[in-house]
């Protein structure tokens, strides 16, 4: 496994990389002339995460540790529940959007990073300018002050405390691991 060997050789903790005999996940992205995209995702091994593996990984985390998730893996609701129970800070990018995301309790999410499409779909509004306010109303217990709205690159709007936590946790606490 070429990438695994490079990571291991360069001192990256590969403890939680689960090797399976199957094809990796991948995505095909089509972009039209106006910049809108259409994405087809094949989950491959990204869709083979078991609850037992999640339990094994999460048990090694501590309260306050960070977990980064994207909607390209399976068992998201289970992972979010377990991480939340552990007291972890959950950073979640719900891309690519699907209706299953609407079943996830976003009040458990510490920081939600959405693009224009996900913001509209998840907030239930059609105007992107209204998305931040809609999220604050729809999820009052959780993400109301921890939402990053990414529009067409390179225009990115980020609330100040996302930067605060990113600098504090990503640059000074190297023990945090990715799932």
Foldseek 3Di string as FASTA:
>chain_A
DVVVVVCVVVPHDCPLPDDDPKDAKDKDWDADPVGDIDIDIDLIVLAVDDLVSLVVVLVPDAAAFEEEEECSHPPPLSNLVSCLVRNYAYEYEDPPDDPVVQVHQCQSHAAYEYEQVCLCVNLVHDDSVCSLVSCCVVRVNHCNQHYWYHYPPPDTDGHPVVVVCCCVPVVPPVVHDYD
